[in-house]
Amino acid sequence: MTKLWKGSYFVQKDIDQIKDILSQQHIELEPYKEKTDQLIQQNGKMIRAEITVLFGRNSLKKQANQTVGIEKLHKAAAAIELLHLATLVHDDVVDNASKRRGLTTLQHFFGNKNTVYLGDQLFTKYFQMVTDVAPSKAFIAYHAAMMEKILAGELMQDTLKFQTEVTLPQYYEAIKGKTAALFSLAAVTGIWVENSDENFEEKNPNFQAAFNFGYHLGMAFQMIDDLQDINPNSKTDKPKFEDIKDGIYTLPIILALENNHLFKEMISTQDIKSETIYKYFISHPELLQRSQTIAKNFLDQAQADLRKFADDSEMTELNKLIDKIQSLLDSANV
C-alpha cells in the first residue's frame, strides 16, 4: 500500500526508516507476538506518518542540525502509525471484522477480550514513543487531548447508530473526531516535535494552518471511504454496505435520508439487501454527485491551507497527495 509514495525518493526513504522503527515494536508475550508482529509490519498507506515527516522536514529547514531532527521525526511518525493501528485493532473488535490489511484479524485468533488488551498495548507503545520524542509537557498533553477527541468521535458515531434523523452536522462532528483528528495530529506533530516552547501552539503561525490541513484532508478521506462502501467496484478491505447494515449512516446515506420516507423505510427493515441499496443509488446518481462535491470542497480547502507555507519540495509532495486522494474520489462513483 505504500506504493502511494512510489517515485518520490526522499519520501520513500522516510517510509523505509519508519517501517524499520515499527518493525522493532513487539508484544513479547506468546502466543500474541507472531500475529501482532505480522500486523505491525503489514503497513498500510502510511499517509498519516508521511504527513508528519513532510511538515517536519519543512520546519527543520530553519535549523542547523537536521540529522537529529530527522531521527526524531521518524520516531514521531512511527508513533502516529501505532496510534492509528491501535484504533484499527479496537475497530475490528467492535465491527467483528475478519480481515485487516489483507490479514486475518487478531480478534479472530484471540477473541474480543484479549484483542482489546492487545490494542491497549499498542496504545501504550504509542505513548512511550511520544514521550521519548516530546520536546515539552505541552506536546504530550496535546497528544492526550487529541486522543480523547478521537475516542469521543468513535463514541459519538455509536450514539448515532440506526438514527434515521441523523444530520450532516452530527456526521461531520463524528468523523472530525474518529478520522480527521488523527490527520491534524499528524500534521502538527511534524512542526512541533523539534520545538520545546511550552506555548508553541499559540505562538507558531503555521500551527493552525497545519492543523486545518489535517482536518480538511481527514474529512475528505473519510467521505471517500464512505463512497467506496457504496460502490461495489471499489476495492477495499471491508465488505460492502457493512456500515449501513450496522446502523452507521455515512454521507451518501444521510443525503438519501433527507426528506425521503421511502428510503427510511427501506433501511429500517431487519434484512437490508445490498442489491436494493445499490440499485437505489444507481437510480439516484445526484446523491453520489453531491457527496463527491462535498468531499471535493474539503480537498480544495486542504490545498488552500498548504498555500500558507513556503512553496518547496515538501509542499509539492503534500499537493501530490491531495491529487492522489482526488483520483480516489473521482473513481468512487457507482
C-alpha atoms as a PDB file:
ATOM      1  CA  MET A   1       0.000   0.000   0.000  1.00  0.00           C
ATOM      2  CA  THR A   2       2.998   2.309   0.423  1.00  0.00           C
ATOM      3  CA  LYS A   3       3.141   2.457  -3.388  1.00  0.00           C
ATOM      4  CA  LEU A   4       1.209   5.697  -2.837  1.00  0.00           C
ATOM      5  CA  TRP A   5       4.624   7.368  -2.422  1.00  0.00           C
ATOM      6  CA  LYS A   6       6.413   5.466  -5.213  1.00  0.00           C
ATOM      7  CA  GLY A   7       8.516   7.787  -7.340  1.00  0.00           C
ATOM      8  CA  SER A   8       9.347  10.200  -4.514  1.00  0.00           C
ATOM      9  CA  TYR A   9      12.902   9.408  -3.454  1.00  0.00           C
ATOM     10  CA  PHE A  10      13.124  11.151  -0.106  1.00  0.00           C
ATOM     11  CA  VAL A  11       9.566  10.234   0.858  1.00  0.00           C
ATOM     12  CA  GLN A  12      10.302   6.562   0.183  1.00  0.00           C
ATOM     13  CA  LYS A  13      13.470   6.827   2.280  1.00  0.00           C
ATOM     14  CA  ASP A  14      11.383   8.225   5.135  1.00  0.00           C
ATOM     15  CA  ILE A  15       8.913   5.378   4.844  1.00  0.00           C
ATOM     16  CA  ASP A  16      11.707   2.796   4.947  1.00  0.00           C
ATOM     17  CA  GLN A  17      13.043   4.337   8.173  1.00  0.00           C
ATOM     18  CA  ILE A  18       9.583   4.491   9.754  1.00  0.00           C
ATOM     19  CA  LYS A  19       8.873   0.880   8.805  1.00  0.00           C
ATOM     20  CA  ASP A  20      12.161  -0.145  10.400  1.00  0.00           C
ATOM     21  CA  ILE A  21      11.183   1.578  13.660  1.00  0.00           C
ATOM     22  CA  LEU A  22       7.764  -0.064  13.577  1.00  0.00           C
ATOM     23  CA  SER A  23       9.292  -3.496  12.976  1.00  0.00           C
ATOM     24  CA  GLN A  24      11.091  -3.156  16.323  1.00  0.00           C
ATOM     25  CA  GLN A  25       7.848  -2.733  18.269  1.00  0.00           C
ATOM     26  CA  HIS A  26       6.973  -6.123  19.722  1.00  0.00           C
ATOM     27  CA  ILE A  27       4.419  -7.520  22.102  1.00  0.00           C
ATOM     28  CA  GLU A  28       6.733 -10.145  23.557  1.00  0.00           C
ATOM     29  CA  LEU A  29       4.187 -12.370  25.252  1.00  0.00           C
ATOM     30  CA  GLU A  30       3.346 -15.569  23.397  1.00  0.00           C
ATOM     31  CA  PRO A  31       1.115 -16.606  21.699  1.00  0.00           C
ATOM     32  CA  TYR A  32       0.487 -12.981  20.645  1.00  0.00           C
ATOM     33  CA  LYS A  33       3.910 -11.942  19.341  1.00  0.00           C
ATOM     34  CA  GLU A  34       3.799 -13.562  15.904  1.00  0.00           C
ATOM     35  CA  LYS A  35       0.373 -12.266  14.900  1.00  0.00           C
ATOM     36  CA  THR A  36       0.907  -8.741  16.234  1.00  0.00           C
ATOM     37  CA  ASP A  37       4.306  -8.568  14.524  1.00  0.00           C
ATOM     38  CA  GLN A  38       2.651  -9.515  11.247  1.00  0.00           C
ATOM     39  CA  LEU A  39       0.014  -6.819  11.669  1.00  0.00           C
ATOM     40  CA  ILE A  40       2.526  -4.115  12.606  1.00  0.00           C
ATOM     41  CA  GLN A  41       4.737  -4.974   9.654  1.00  0.00           C
ATOM     42  CA  GLN A  42       1.849  -5.209   7.172  1.00  0.00           C
ATOM     43  CA  ASN A  43       1.962  -1.462   6.626  1.00  0.00           C
ATOM     44  CA  GLY A  44      -0.968   0.405   5.172  1.00  0.00           C
ATOM     45  CA  LYS A  45      -0.763   3.552   3.085  1.00  0.00           C
ATOM     46  CA  MET A  46       1.166   5.330   5.886  1.00  0.00           C
ATOM     47  CA  ILE A  47      -0.420   8.630   4.871  1.00  0.00           C
ATOM     48  CA  ARG A  48      -0.532   9.970   8.417  1.00  0.00           C
ATOM     49  CA  ALA A  49       3.107   9.109   9.122  1.00  0.00           C
ATOM     50  CA  GLU A  50       4.324  10.812   5.978  1.00  0.00           C
ATOM     51  CA  ILE A  51       2.248  13.919   6.685  1.00  0.00           C
ATOM     52  CA  THR A  52       4.174  14.137   9.962  1.00  0.00           C
ATOM     53  CA  VAL A  53       7.513  13.840   8.185  1.00  0.00           C
ATOM     54  CA  LEU A  54       6.717  16.278   5.389  1.00  0.00           C
ATOM     55  CA  PHE A  55       5.562  19.026   7.743  1.00  0.00           C
ATOM     56  CA  GLY A  56       8.539  18.253   9.968  1.00  0.00           C
ATOM     57  CA  ARG A  57      11.043  18.449   7.117  1.00  0.00           C
ATOM     58  CA  ASN A  58       9.554  21.783   6.118  1.00  0.00           C
ATOM     59  CA  SER A  59      10.131  23.120   9.647  1.00  0.00           C
ATOM     60  CA  LEU A  60      13.617  21.603  10.004  1.00  0.00           C
ATOM     61  CA  LYS A  61      14.940  23.637   7.100  1.00  0.00           C
ATOM     62  CA  LYS A  62      15.202  26.529   9.528  1.00  0.00           C
ATOM     63  CA  GLN A  63      17.520  24.599  11.880  1.00  0.00           C
ATOM     64  CA  ALA A  64      21.256  23.998  11.651  1.00  0.00           C
ATOM     65  CA  ASN A  65      21.453  20.367  12.876  1.00  0.00           C
ATOM     66  CA  GLN A  66      18.848  18.476  10.880  1.00  0.00           C
ATOM     67  CA  THR A  67      20.175  14.932  11.354  1.00  0.00           C
ATOM     68  CA  VAL A  68      18.926  14.535  14.927  1.00  0.00           C
ATOM     69  CA  GLY A  69      15.690  16.217  13.949  1.00  0.00           C
ATOM     70  CA  ILE A  70      15.017  13.744  11.145  1.00  0.00           C
ATOM     71  CA  GLU A  71      15.560  10.821  13.517  1.00  0.00           C
ATOM     72  CA  LYS A  72      13.032  12.265  15.953  1.00  0.00           C
ATOM     73  CA  LEU A  73      10.612  12.896  13.111  1.00  0.00           C
ATOM     74  CA  HIS A  74      10.776   9.296  12.014  1.00  0.00           C
ATOM     75  CA  LYS A  75      10.067   8.111  15.540  1.00  0.00           C
ATOM     76  CA  ALA A  76       7.213  10.596  15.944  1.00  0.00           C
ATOM     77  CA  ALA A  77       5.754   9.431  12.624  1.00  0.00           C
ATOM     78  CA  ALA A  78       6.040   5.802  13.740  1.00  0.00           C
ATOM     79  CA  ALA A  79       4.172   6.736  16.921  1.00  0.00           C
ATOM     80  CA  ILE A  80       1.359   8.228  14.837  1.00  0.00           C
ATOM     81  CA  GLU A  81       1.155   4.960  12.862  1.00  0.00           C
ATOM     82  CA  LEU A  82       0.981   2.933  16.089  1.00  0.00           C
ATOM     83  CA  LEU A  83      -1.842   5.115  17.365  1.00  0.00           C
ATOM     84  CA  HIS A  84      -3.699   4.595  14.110  1.00  0.00           C
ATOM     85  CA  LEU A  85      -3.121   0.829  14.253  1.00  0.00           C
ATOM     86  CA  ALA A  86      -4.322   0.627  17.863  1.00  0.00           C
ATOM     87  CA  THR A  87      -7.619   2.274  16.901  1.00  0.00           C
ATOM     88  CA  LEU A  88      -7.992  -0.165  13.998  1.00  0.00           C
ATOM     89  CA  VAL A  89      -7.465  -3.165  16.291  1.00  0.00           C
ATOM     90  CA  HIS A  90     -10.255  -1.897  18.533  1.00  0.00           C
ATOM     91  CA  ASP A  91     -12.431  -1.194  15.477  1.00  0.00           C
ATOM     92  CA  ASP A  92     -12.051  -4.812  14.397  1.00  0.00           C
ATOM     93  CA  VAL A  93     -13.453  -5.942  17.736  1.00  0.00           C
ATOM     94  CA  VAL A  94     -16.401  -3.564  17.519  1.00  0.00           C
ATOM     95  CA  ASP A  95     -17.102  -4.464  13.876  1.00  0.00           C
ATOM     96  CA  ASN A  96     -16.390  -8.186  14.284  1.00  0.00           C
ATOM     97  CA  ALA A  97     -14.143  -7.812  11.228  1.00  0.00           C
ATOM     98  CA  SER A  98     -12.494 -10.832   9.660  1.00  0.00           C
ATOM     99  CA  LYS A  99      -9.714  -9.079   7.703  1.00  0.00           C
ATOM    100  CA  ARG A 100      -7.359  -6.156   8.309  1.00  0.00           C
ATOM    101  CA  ARG A 101      -4.750  -5.121   5.719  1.00  0.00           C
ATOM    102  CA  GLY A 102      -5.180  -8.445   3.982  1.00  0.00           C
ATOM    103  CA  LEU A 103      -4.560 -10.465   7.154  1.00  0.00           C
ATOM    104  CA  THR A 104      -6.937 -12.361   9.389  1.00  0.00           C
ATOM    105  CA  THR A 105      -7.720 -10.066  12.311  1.00  0.00           C
ATOM    106  CA  LEU A 106      -6.293 -10.506  15.813  1.00  0.00           C
ATOM    107  CA  GLN A 107      -9.863 -10.759  17.048  1.00  0.00           C
ATOM    108  CA  HIS A 108     -10.333 -13.938  15.008  1.00  0.00           C
ATOM    109  CA  PHE A 109      -7.359 -15.606  16.703  1.00  0.00           C
ATOM    110  CA  PHE A 110      -7.595 -14.285  20.242  1.00  0.00           C
ATOM    111  CA  GLY A 111     -11.206 -13.289  20.861  1.00  0.00           C
ATOM    112  CA  ASN A 112     -12.659  -9.900  21.769  1.00  0.00           C
ATOM    113  CA  LYS A 113     -11.300  -9.512  25.298  1.00  0.00           C
ATOM    114  CA  ASN A 114      -7.668 -10.312  24.552  1.00  0.00           C
ATOM    115  CA  THR A 115      -7.720  -8.299  21.324  1.00  0.00           C
ATOM    116  CA  VAL A 116      -8.882  -5.237  23.263  1.00  0.00           C
ATOM    117  CA  TYR A 117      -5.900  -5.744  25.564  1.00  0.00           C
ATOM    118  CA  LEU A 118      -3.592  -6.056  22.544  1.00  0.00           C
ATOM    119  CA  GLY A 119      -4.968  -2.784  21.176  1.00  0.00           C
ATOM    120  CA  ASP A 120      -4.354  -1.202  24.577  1.00  0.00           C
ATOM    121  CA  GLN A 121      -0.742  -2.399  24.467  1.00  0.00           C
ATOM    122  CA  LEU A 122      -0.294  -0.681  21.118  1.00  0.00           C
ATOM    123  CA  PHE A 123      -1.686   2.498  22.696  1.00  0.00           C
ATOM    124  CA  THR A 124       0.932   2.279  25.464  1.00  0.00           C
ATOM    125  CA  LYS A 125       3.706   1.797  22.905  1.00  0.00           C
ATOM    126  CA  TYR A 126       2.460   4.886  21.102  1.00  0.00           C
ATOM    127  CA  PHE A 127       2.613   6.924  24.312  1.00  0.00           C
ATOM    128  CA  GLN A 128       6.065   5.588  25.142  1.00  0.00           C
ATOM    129  CA  MET A 129       7.343   6.742  21.756  1.00  0.00           C
ATOM    130  CA  VAL A 130       5.630  10.127  22.066  1.00  0.00           C
ATOM    131  CA  THR A 131       7.254  10.585  25.488  1.00  0.00           C
ATOM    132  CA  ASP A 132      10.657   9.713  24.017  1.00  0.00           C
ATOM    133  CA  VAL A 133      10.456  12.414  21.337  1.00  0.00           C
ATOM    134  CA  ALA A 134       8.395  15.017  23.224  1.00  0.00           C
ATOM    135  CA  PRO A 135      10.047  18.454  23.312  1.00  0.00           C
ATOM    136  CA  SER A 136       7.777  19.613  26.173  1.00  0.00           C
ATOM    137  CA  LYS A 137       4.980  18.599  28.526  1.00  0.00           C
ATOM    138  CA  ALA A 138       2.604  20.638  26.392  1.00  0.00           C
ATOM    139  CA  PHE A 139       3.368  18.341  23.452  1.00  0.00           C
ATOM    140  CA  ILE A 140       2.405  15.241  25.470  1.00  0.00           C
ATOM    141  CA  ALA A 141      -0.696  16.947  26.849  1.00  0.00           C
ATOM    142  CA  TYR A 142      -1.755  17.867  23.323  1.00  0.00           C
ATOM    143  CA  HIS A 143      -1.418  14.263  22.164  1.00  0.00           C
ATOM    144  CA  ALA A 144      -3.521  13.105  25.103  1.00  0.00           C
ATOM    145  CA  ALA A 145      -6.198  15.700  24.324  1.00  0.00           C
ATOM    146  CA  MET A 146      -6.312  14.718  20.657  1.00  0.00           C
ATOM    147  CA  MET A 147      -6.543  11.046  21.549  1.00  0.00           C
ATOM    148  CA  GLU A 148      -9.541  11.938  23.704  1.00  0.00           C
ATOM    149  CA  LYS A 149     -11.141  13.623  20.667  1.00  0.00           C
ATOM    150  CA  ILE A 150     -10.521  10.542  18.534  1.00  0.00           C
ATOM    151  CA  LEU A 151     -12.231   8.305  21.080  1.00  0.00           C
ATOM    152  CA  ALA A 152     -15.076  10.809  21.531  1.00  0.00           C
ATOM    153  CA  GLY A 153     -15.679  10.692  17.775  1.00  0.00           C
ATOM    154  CA  GLU A 154     -15.981   6.917  17.906  1.00  0.00           C
ATOM    155  CA  LEU A 155     -18.422   7.168  20.800  1.00  0.00           C
ATOM    156  CA  MET A 156     -20.495   9.792  19.018  1.00  0.00           C
ATOM    157  CA  GLN A 157     -20.735   7.601  15.932  1.00  0.00           C
ATOM    158  CA  ASP A 158     -22.007   4.803  18.137  1.00  0.00           C
ATOM    159  CA  THR A 159     -24.701   7.007  19.687  1.00  0.00           C
ATOM    160  CA  LEU A 160     -25.972   7.854  16.188  1.00  0.00           C
ATOM    161  CA  LYS A 161     -26.448   4.251  15.115  1.00  0.00           C
ATOM    162  CA  PHE A 162     -29.790   3.481  13.443  1.00  0.00           C
ATOM    163  CA  GLN A 163     -30.929   7.103  13.837  1.00  0.00           C
ATOM    164  CA  THR A 164     -32.625   7.894  10.543  1.00  0.00           C
ATOM    165  CA  GLU A 165     -32.917  11.548  11.595  1.00  0.00           C
ATOM    166  CA  VAL A 166     -29.129  11.955  11.771  1.00  0.00           C
ATOM    167  CA  THR A 167     -27.983  15.289  10.338  1.00  0.00           C
ATOM    168  CA  LEU A 168     -24.937  16.349   8.344  1.00  0.00           C
ATOM    169  CA  PRO A 169     -23.573  18.462  11.248  1.00  0.00           C
ATOM    170  CA  GLN A 170     -23.759  15.401  13.522  1.00  0.00           C
ATOM    171  CA  TYR A 171     -21.973  13.309  10.910  1.00  0.00           C
ATOM    172  CA  TYR A 172     -19.296  15.988  10.488  1.00  0.00           C
ATOM    173  CA  GLU A 173     -18.729  16.112  14.235  1.00  0.00           C
ATOM    174  CA  ALA A 174     -18.344  12.326  14.477  1.00  0.00           C
ATOM    175  CA  ILE A 175     -15.827  11.983  11.638  1.00  0.00           C
ATOM    176  CA  LYS A 176     -13.999  15.098  12.801  1.00  0.00           C
ATOM    177  CA  GLY A 177     -13.071  13.057  15.860  1.00  0.00           C
ATOM    178  CA  LYS A 178     -12.798   9.493  14.582  1.00  0.00           C
ATOM    179  CA  THR A 179     -10.788  10.337  11.433  1.00  0.00           C
ATOM    180  CA  ALA A 180      -9.820  13.977  10.916  1.00  0.00           C
ATOM    181  CA  ALA A 181      -8.347  14.496  14.405  1.00  0.00           C
ATOM    182  CA  LEU A 182      -5.573  11.982  13.720  1.00  0.00           C
ATOM    183  CA  PHE A 183      -4.706  13.680  10.417  1.00  0.00           C
ATOM    184  CA  SER A 184      -4.480  17.016  12.253  1.00  0.00           C
ATOM    185  CA  LEU A 185      -2.367  15.445  14.991  1.00  0.00           C
ATOM    186  CA  ALA A 186      -0.009  14.015  12.365  1.00  0.00           C
ATOM    187  CA  ALA A 187       0.489  17.424  10.769  1.00  0.00           C
ATOM    188  CA  VAL A 188       1.076  19.454  13.936  1.00  0.00           C
ATOM    189  CA  THR A 189       3.335  16.763  15.411  1.00  0.00           C
ATOM    190  CA  GLY A 190       5.692  17.285  12.487  1.00  0.00           C
ATOM    191  CA  ILE A 191       6.118  21.003  13.025  1.00  0.00           C
ATOM    192  CA  TRP A 192       6.177  20.745  16.836  1.00  0.00           C
ATOM    193  CA  VAL A 193       8.483  17.818  17.621  1.00  0.00           C
ATOM    194  CA  GLU A 194      11.653  19.936  17.427  1.00  0.00           C
ATOM    195  CA  ASN A 195      10.382  22.952  19.379  1.00  0.00           C
ATOM    196  CA  SER A 196      10.494  22.978  23.185  1.00  0.00           C
ATOM    197  CA  ASP A 197       8.392  26.132  23.641  1.00  0.00           C
ATOM    198  CA  GLU A 198       5.523  25.273  26.020  1.00  0.00           C
ATOM    199  CA  ASN A 199       3.383  27.870  24.212  1.00  0.00           C
ATOM    200  CA  PHE A 200       4.246  26.634  20.729  1.00  0.00           C
ATOM    201  CA  GLU A 201       0.607  26.026  19.831  1.00  0.00           C
ATOM    202  CA  GLU A 202      -0.247  29.692  20.387  1.00  0.00           C
ATOM    203  CA  LYS A 203       2.936  31.278  19.021  1.00  0.00           C
ATOM    204  CA  ASN A 204       3.695  29.363  15.837  1.00  0.00           C
ATOM    205  CA  PRO A 205       1.996  30.966  12.823  1.00  0.00           C
ATOM    206  CA  ASN A 206       1.994  27.665  10.925  1.00  0.00           C
ATOM    207  CA  PHE A 207       0.335  25.626  13.662  1.00  0.00           C
ATOM    208  CA  GLN A 208      -3.265  26.420  12.727  1.00  0.00           C
ATOM    209  CA  ALA A 209      -2.604  26.010   9.002  1.00  0.00           C
ATOM    210  CA  ALA A 210      -1.094  22.554   9.607  1.00  0.00           C
ATOM    211  CA  PHE A 211      -3.985  21.601  11.876  1.00  0.00           C
ATOM    212  CA  ASN A 212      -6.537  22.799   9.319  1.00  0.00           C
ATOM    213  CA  PHE A 213      -4.809  20.898   6.527  1.00  0.00           C
ATOM    214  CA  GLY A 214      -5.086  17.679   8.525  1.00  0.00           C
ATOM    215  CA  TYR A 215      -8.706  18.388   9.378  1.00  0.00           C
ATOM    216  CA  HIS A 216      -9.784  19.094   5.806  1.00  0.00           C
ATOM    217  CA  LEU A 217      -7.823  16.195   4.326  1.00  0.00           C
ATOM    218  CA  GLY A 218      -9.079  13.790   7.007  1.00  0.00           C
ATOM    219  CA  MET A 219     -12.698  14.800   6.463  1.00  0.00           C
ATOM    220  CA  ALA A 220     -12.393  14.234   2.711  1.00  0.00           C
ATOM    221  CA  PHE A 221     -10.585  10.936   3.281  1.00  0.00           C
ATOM    222  CA  GLN A 222     -13.434   9.594   5.426  1.00  0.00           C
ATOM    223  CA  MET A 223     -16.038  10.746   2.920  1.00  0.00           C
ATOM    224  CA  ILE A 224     -14.225   8.898   0.141  1.00  0.00           C
ATOM    225  CA  ASP A 225     -14.231   5.786   2.317  1.00  0.00           C
ATOM    226  CA  ASP A 226     -17.987   6.240   2.707  1.00  0.00           C
ATOM    227  CA  LEU A 227     -18.434   6.495  -1.053  1.00  0.00           C
ATOM    228  CA  GLN A 228     -16.296   3.417  -1.669  1.00  0.00           C
ATOM    229  CA  ASP A 229     -18.521   1.446   0.688  1.00  0.00           C
ATOM    230  CA  ILE A 230     -21.463   2.188  -1.615  1.00  0.00           C
ATOM    231  CA  ASN A 231     -19.531   1.303  -4.781  1.00  0.00           C
ATOM    232  CA  PRO A 232     -19.218  -2.468  -5.357  1.00  0.00           C
ATOM    233  CA  ASN A 233     -16.441  -1.800  -7.888  1.00  0.00           C
ATOM    234  CA  SER A 234     -14.170  -0.056  -5.357  1.00  0.00           C
ATOM    235  CA  LYS A 235     -11.608  -2.433  -3.883  1.00  0.00           C
ATOM    236  CA  THR A 236     -11.385  -2.086  -0.101  1.00  0.00           C
ATOM    237  CA  ASP A 237     -10.602  -4.340   2.847  1.00  0.00           C
ATOM    238  CA  LYS A 238     -14.189  -4.128   4.102  1.00  0.00           C
ATOM    239  CA  PRO A 239     -17.276  -6.000   2.891  1.00  0.00           C
ATOM    240  CA  LYS A 240     -19.653  -3.700   1.018  1.00  0.00           C
ATOM    241  CA  PHE A 241     -22.613  -1.995   2.702  1.00  0.00           C
ATOM    242  CA  GLU A 242     -21.481  -3.130   6.158  1.00  0.00           C
ATOM    243  CA  ASP A 243     -21.835   0.362   7.659  1.00  0.00           C
ATOM    244  CA  ILE A 244     -25.476   0.755   6.730  1.00  0.00           C
ATOM    245  CA  LYS A 245     -26.273  -2.766   7.933  1.00  0.00           C
ATOM    246  CA  ASP A 246     -24.625  -1.890  11.261  1.00  0.00           C
ATOM    247  CA  GLY A 247     -26.696   1.275  11.536  1.00  0.00           C
ATOM    248  CA  ILE A 248     -23.786   3.619  10.711  1.00  0.00           C
ATOM    249  CA  TYR A 249     -25.249   6.158   8.311  1.00  0.00           C
ATOM    250  CA  THR A 250     -22.494   7.785   6.284  1.00  0.00           C
ATOM    251  CA  LEU A 251     -22.517  10.770   3.932  1.00  0.00           C
ATOM    252  CA  PRO A 252     -24.385   9.296   0.920  1.00  0.00           C
ATOM    253  CA  ILE A 253     -26.880   7.585   3.237  1.00  0.00           C
ATOM    254  CA  ILE A 254     -27.572  10.777   5.177  1.00  0.00           C
ATOM    255  CA  LEU A 255     -28.171  12.667   1.940  1.00  0.00           C
ATOM    256  CA  ALA A 256     -30.560   9.914   0.827  1.00  0.00           C
ATOM    257  CA  LEU A 257     -32.411  10.095   4.144  1.00  0.00           C
ATOM    258  CA  GLU A 258     -33.166  13.809   3.828  1.00  0.00           C
ATOM    259  CA  ASN A 259     -36.937  14.128   3.425  1.00  0.00           C
ATOM    260  CA  ASN A 260     -37.197  10.640   1.954  1.00  0.00           C
ATOM    261  CA  HIS A 261     -39.616   8.379   3.812  1.00  0.00           C
ATOM    262  CA  LEU A 262     -39.267   5.588   1.248  1.00  0.00           C
ATOM    263  CA  PHE A 263     -35.517   5.275   1.825  1.00  0.00           C
ATOM    264  CA  LYS A 264     -36.029   5.437   5.597  1.00  0.00           C
ATOM    265  CA  GLU A 265     -38.427   2.530   5.386  1.00  0.00           C
ATOM    266  CA  MET A 266     -36.019   0.624   3.151  1.00  0.00           C
ATOM    267  CA  ILE A 267     -33.110   0.771   5.605  1.00  0.00           C
ATOM    268  CA  SER A 268     -35.308   0.268   8.652  1.00  0.00           C
ATOM    269  CA  THR A 269     -36.044  -3.327   7.674  1.00  0.00           C
ATOM    270  CA  GLN A 270     -34.172  -6.008   9.588  1.00  0.00           C
ATOM    271  CA  ASP A 271     -32.917  -7.715   6.448  1.00  0.00           C
ATOM    272  CA  ILE A 272     -31.411  -4.997   4.246  1.00  0.00           C
ATOM    273  CA  LYS A 273     -30.402  -6.309   0.833  1.00  0.00           C
ATOM    274  CA  SER A 274     -27.173  -4.972  -0.663  1.00  0.00           C
ATOM    275  CA  GLU A 275     -28.672  -5.169  -4.149  1.00  0.00           C
ATOM    276  CA  THR A 276     -31.572  -2.956  -3.086  1.00  0.00           C
ATOM    277  CA  ILE A 277     -29.273  -0.253  -1.739  1.00  0.00           C
ATOM    278  CA  TYR A 278     -27.028  -0.419  -4.784  1.00  0.00           C
ATOM    279  CA  LYS A 279     -29.971  -0.108  -7.173  1.00  0.00           C
ATOM    280  CA  TYR A 280     -31.303   2.843  -5.219  1.00  0.00           C
ATOM    281  CA  PHE A 281     -28.073   4.811  -5.664  1.00  0.00           C
ATOM    282  CA  ILE A 282     -27.839   3.806  -9.310  1.00  0.00           C
ATOM    283  CA  SER A 283     -31.275   5.347  -9.832  1.00  0.00           C
ATOM    284  CA  HIS A 284     -30.359   8.447  -7.779  1.00  0.00           C
ATOM    285  CA  PRO A 285     -26.899   9.467  -9.092  1.00  0.00           C
ATOM    286  CA  GLU A 286     -27.359  13.003  -7.767  1.00  0.00           C
ATOM    287  CA  LEU A 287     -26.775  11.699  -4.217  1.00  0.00           C
ATOM    288  CA  LEU A 288     -23.310  10.419  -5.032  1.00  0.00           C
ATOM    289  CA  GLN A 289     -22.560  13.503  -7.094  1.00  0.00           C
ATOM    290  CA  ARG A 290     -23.478  15.711  -4.157  1.00  0.00           C
ATOM    291  CA  SER A 291     -21.339  13.565  -1.837  1.00  0.00           C
ATOM    292  CA  GLN A 292     -18.407  13.931  -4.206  1.00  0.00           C
ATOM    293  CA  THR A 293     -18.877  17.684  -4.347  1.00  0.00           C
ATOM    294  CA  ILE A 294     -18.832  17.954  -0.545  1.00  0.00           C
ATOM    295  CA  ALA A 295     -15.665  15.853  -0.323  1.00  0.00           C
ATOM    296  CA  LYS A 296     -14.058  17.882  -3.138  1.00  0.00           C
ATOM    297  CA  ASN A 297     -14.726  21.104  -1.211  1.00  0.00           C
ATOM    298  CA  PHE A 298     -12.780  19.714   1.750  1.00  0.00           C
ATOM    299  CA  LEU A 299      -9.882  18.741  -0.535  1.00  0.00           C
ATOM    300  CA  ASP A 300      -9.872  22.240  -2.029  1.00  0.00           C
ATOM    301  CA  GLN A 301      -9.672  23.719   1.472  1.00  0.00           C
ATOM    302  CA  ALA A 302      -6.748  21.417   2.305  1.00  0.00           C
ATOM    303  CA  GLN A 303      -4.949  22.695  -0.774  1.00  0.00           C
ATOM    304  CA  ALA A 304      -5.624  26.280   0.306  1.00  0.00           C
ATOM    305  CA  ASP A 305      -4.123  25.509   3.731  1.00  0.00           C
ATOM    306  CA  LEU A 306      -0.862  24.439   2.067  1.00  0.00           C
ATOM    307  CA  ARG A 307      -0.556  27.783   0.288  1.00  0.00           C
ATOM    308  CA  LYS A 308       0.197  29.346   3.669  1.00  0.00           C
ATOM    309  CA  PHE A 309       3.546  27.533   3.667  1.00  0.00           C
ATOM    310  CA  ALA A 310       6.598  28.233   1.522  1.00  0.00           C
ATOM    311  CA  ASP A 311       6.420  26.574  -1.883  1.00  0.00           C
ATOM    312  CA  ASP A 312       9.027  23.820  -1.579  1.00  0.00           C
ATOM    313  CA  SER A 313       9.543  20.092  -2.144  1.00  0.00           C
ATOM    314  CA  GLU A 314       7.567  19.067   0.969  1.00  0.00           C
ATOM    315  CA  MET A 315       4.541  21.104  -0.011  1.00  0.00           C
ATOM    316  CA  THR A 316       4.831  19.718  -3.546  1.00  0.00           C
ATOM    317  CA  GLU A 317       4.607  16.186  -2.139  1.00  0.00           C
ATOM    318  CA  LEU A 318       1.595  17.093   0.002  1.00  0.00           C
ATOM    319  CA  ASN A 319      -0.114  18.586  -3.034  1.00  0.00           C
ATOM    320  CA  LYS A 320       0.610  15.347  -4.899  1.00  0.00           C
ATOM    321  CA  LEU A 321      -1.057  13.505  -2.030  1.00  0.00           C
ATOM    322  CA  ILE A 322      -4.158  15.663  -2.452  1.00  0.00           C
ATOM    323  CA  ASP A 323      -4.140  14.854  -6.174  1.00  0.00           C
ATOM    324  CA  LYS A 324      -3.940  11.118  -5.468  1.00  0.00           C
ATOM    325  CA  ILE A 325      -6.795  11.322  -2.982  1.00  0.00           C
ATOM    326  CA  GLN A 326      -8.722  13.317  -5.577  1.00  0.00           C
ATOM    327  CA  SER A 327      -8.227  10.432  -8.012  1.00  0.00           C
ATOM    328  CA  LEU A 328      -9.721   8.074  -5.395  1.00  0.00           C
ATOM    329  CA  LEU A 329     -12.675  10.423  -5.123  1.00  0.00           C
ATOM    330  CA  ASP A 330     -13.128  10.531  -8.895  1.00  0.00           C
ATOM    331  CA  SER A 331     -13.241   6.738  -9.039  1.00  0.00           C
ATOM    332  CA  ALA A 332     -15.646   6.370  -6.114  1.00  0.00           C
ATOM    333  CA  ASN A 333     -18.802   6.910  -8.147  1.00  0.00           C
ATOM    334  CA  VAL A 334     -21.125   3.991  -8.857  1.00  0.00           C
END
